[in-house]
Amino acid sequence: TLHAVAKGFTAQQASEVIALSTRVFPAVDAFFIWGFPFETMAEFYQTVFQMALFRSWDVRVLPCLLSFLPQTAIYRQVQAGRYGGRLPESAGSADRWGPAGRFRSGEAGSRWPR
């Protein structure tokens, strides 16, 4: 999965850097994104295993579900039909943003009143 999103490092390299970092810094955070359309269940389970391993090293693990933001390459690839189809209009965040990039308040998912 790291190769597909062009991170430029492997899971093994990330583990080595995290292990070293825990010996150097008082606190270490590791961010994980899951839910890629090309991610297999085996890859997902490997990610969960790696998160558990990092937690055992007292690393703060911060998992995040993939968000299909319109300005990203993966959003454009999915919209173009790659990975099995297009996102419904409500799946992206673009329909929530009004003029001048302001969040439309009072809609489903909004914390702000109208």
Protein backbone atom coordinates (compact mmCIF):
# COMPACT_ATOMS: atom_id res chain seq x y z
CA THR A 1 0.00 0.00 0.00
CA LEU A 2 2.84 2.43 0.76
CA HIS A 3 4.20 1.88 -2.75
CA ALA A 4 0.79 2.53 -4.32
CA VAL A 5 0.48 5.88 -2.58
CA ALA A 6 4.10 6.78 -3.44
CA LYS A 7 5.35 7.31 0.09
CA GLY A 8 8.91 6.46 -0.87
CA PHE A 9 9.56 4.07 2.00
CA THR A 10 8.61 0.54 3.00
CA ALA A 11 6.78 -0.70 6.09
CA GLN A 12 10.08 -2.24 7.24
CA GLN A 13 11.86 1.10 6.94
CA ALA A 14 9.05 2.82 8.85
CA SER A 15 9.32 0.25 11.64
CA GLU A 16 13.07 0.78 11.90
CA VAL A 17 12.71 4.56 12.10
CA ILE A 18 9.91 4.30 14.68
CA ALA A 19 11.98 1.90 16.80
CA LEU A 20 14.97 4.28 16.69
CA SER A 21 12.75 7.29 17.38
CA THR A 22 11.38 5.75 20.58
CA ARG A 23 14.94 5.64 21.93
CA VAL A 24 15.64 9.26 21.02
CA PHE A 25 12.41 11.20 21.58
CA PRO A 26 10.17 11.32 24.66
CA ALA A 27 7.03 10.86 22.55
CA VAL A 28 6.51 9.37 19.08
CA ASP A 29 3.36 9.50 16.93
CA ALA A 30 2.59 7.19 14.02
CA PHE A 31 -0.16 8.07 11.57
CA PHE A 32 -1.93 5.34 9.63
CA ILE A 33 -4.47 5.67 6.83
CA TRP A 34 -6.71 2.70 6.08
CA GLY A 35 -9.51 2.09 3.60
CA PHE A 36 -7.70 2.49 0.30
CA PRO A 37 -9.80 1.03 -2.54
CA PHE A 38 -6.90 -1.18 -3.63
CA GLU A 39 -6.05 -2.37 -0.10
CA THR A 40 -6.59 -6.10 0.42
CA MET A 41 -7.82 -7.56 3.70
CA ALA A 42 -4.37 -9.11 4.18
CA GLU A 43 -2.79 -5.65 3.86
CA PHE A 44 -5.37 -4.21 6.25
CA TYR A 45 -4.61 -6.92 8.83
CA GLN A 46 -0.88 -6.23 8.43
CA THR A 47 -1.57 -2.55 9.12
CA VAL A 48 -3.54 -3.44 12.26
CA PHE A 49 -0.69 -5.72 13.38
CA GLN A 50 1.83 -2.94 12.84
CA MET A 51 -0.34 -0.49 14.81
CA ALA A 52 -0.50 -2.99 17.71
CA LEU A 53 3.27 -3.48 17.56
CA PHE A 54 3.89 0.27 17.70
CA ARG A 55 1.48 0.60 20.65
CA SER A 56 3.52 -2.03 22.49
CA TRP A 57 6.50 0.33 22.04
CA ASP A 58 4.48 3.18 23.67
CA VAL A 59 4.03 4.93 20.33
CA ARG A 60 0.85 6.97 20.00
CA VAL A 61 -0.95 5.41 17.03
CA LEU A 62 -3.30 7.69 15.10
CA PRO A 63 -5.42 5.72 12.60
CA CYS A 64 -7.53 7.56 10.07
CA LEU A 65 -10.05 6.33 7.51
CA LEU A 66 -9.15 7.46 3.99
CA SER A 67 -11.05 10.60 2.99
CA PHE A 68 -11.64 11.12 -0.70
CA LEU A 69 -10.78 14.79 -0.98
CA PRO A 70 -11.28 16.31 -4.45
CA GLN A 71 -7.79 17.81 -4.63
CA THR A 72 -6.06 14.41 -4.24
CA ALA A 73 -4.80 12.08 -6.95
CA ILE A 74 -6.66 9.08 -5.51
CA TYR A 75 -9.98 10.96 -5.68
CA ARG A 76 -9.37 11.79 -9.34
CA GLN A 77 -8.36 8.18 -10.08
CA VAL A 78 -11.53 6.78 -8.49
CA GLN A 79 -13.71 9.36 -10.25
CA ALA A 80 -12.07 8.34 -13.55
CA GLY A 81 -13.21 4.75 -12.98
CA ARG A 82 -10.07 3.22 -11.52
CA TYR A 83 -10.54 0.75 -8.63
CA GLY A 84 -14.03 -0.23 -9.75
CA GLY A 85 -15.99 2.93 -10.24
CA ARG A 86 -16.91 6.42 -9.26
CA LEU A 87 -17.74 7.91 -5.91
CA PRO A 88 -21.28 9.10 -5.36
CA GLU A 89 -21.47 12.88 -5.17
CA SER A 90 -22.09 12.75 -1.42
CA ALA A 91 -18.89 10.75 -0.82
CA GLY A 92 -16.60 13.69 -1.51
CA SER A 93 -16.36 16.78 0.60
CA ALA A 94 -16.81 19.16 -2.34
CA ASP A 95 -20.60 19.15 -2.06
CA ARG A 96 -20.33 20.50 1.49
CA TRP A 97 -18.30 23.53 0.54
CA GLY A 98 -20.13 26.62 -0.58
CA PRO A 99 -18.93 29.87 -2.14
CA ALA A 100 -15.48 31.09 -1.11
CA GLY A 101 -14.68 27.69 0.39
CA ARG A 102 -17.01 28.12 3.36
CA PHE A 103 -18.55 25.06 4.92
CA ARG A 104 -22.32 25.04 4.46
CA SER A 105 -23.62 25.14 8.00
CA GLY A 106 -26.78 23.42 9.15
CA GLU A 107 -26.33 20.41 6.86
CA ALA A 108 -25.97 16.81 7.89
CA GLY A 109 -22.59 16.36 9.50
CA SER A 110 -22.23 20.01 10.37
CA ARG A 111 -21.64 21.01 13.96
CA TRP A 112 -22.78 24.57 13.32
CA PRO A 113 -26.37 25.83 13.37
CA ARG A 114 -27.85 27.57 10.35
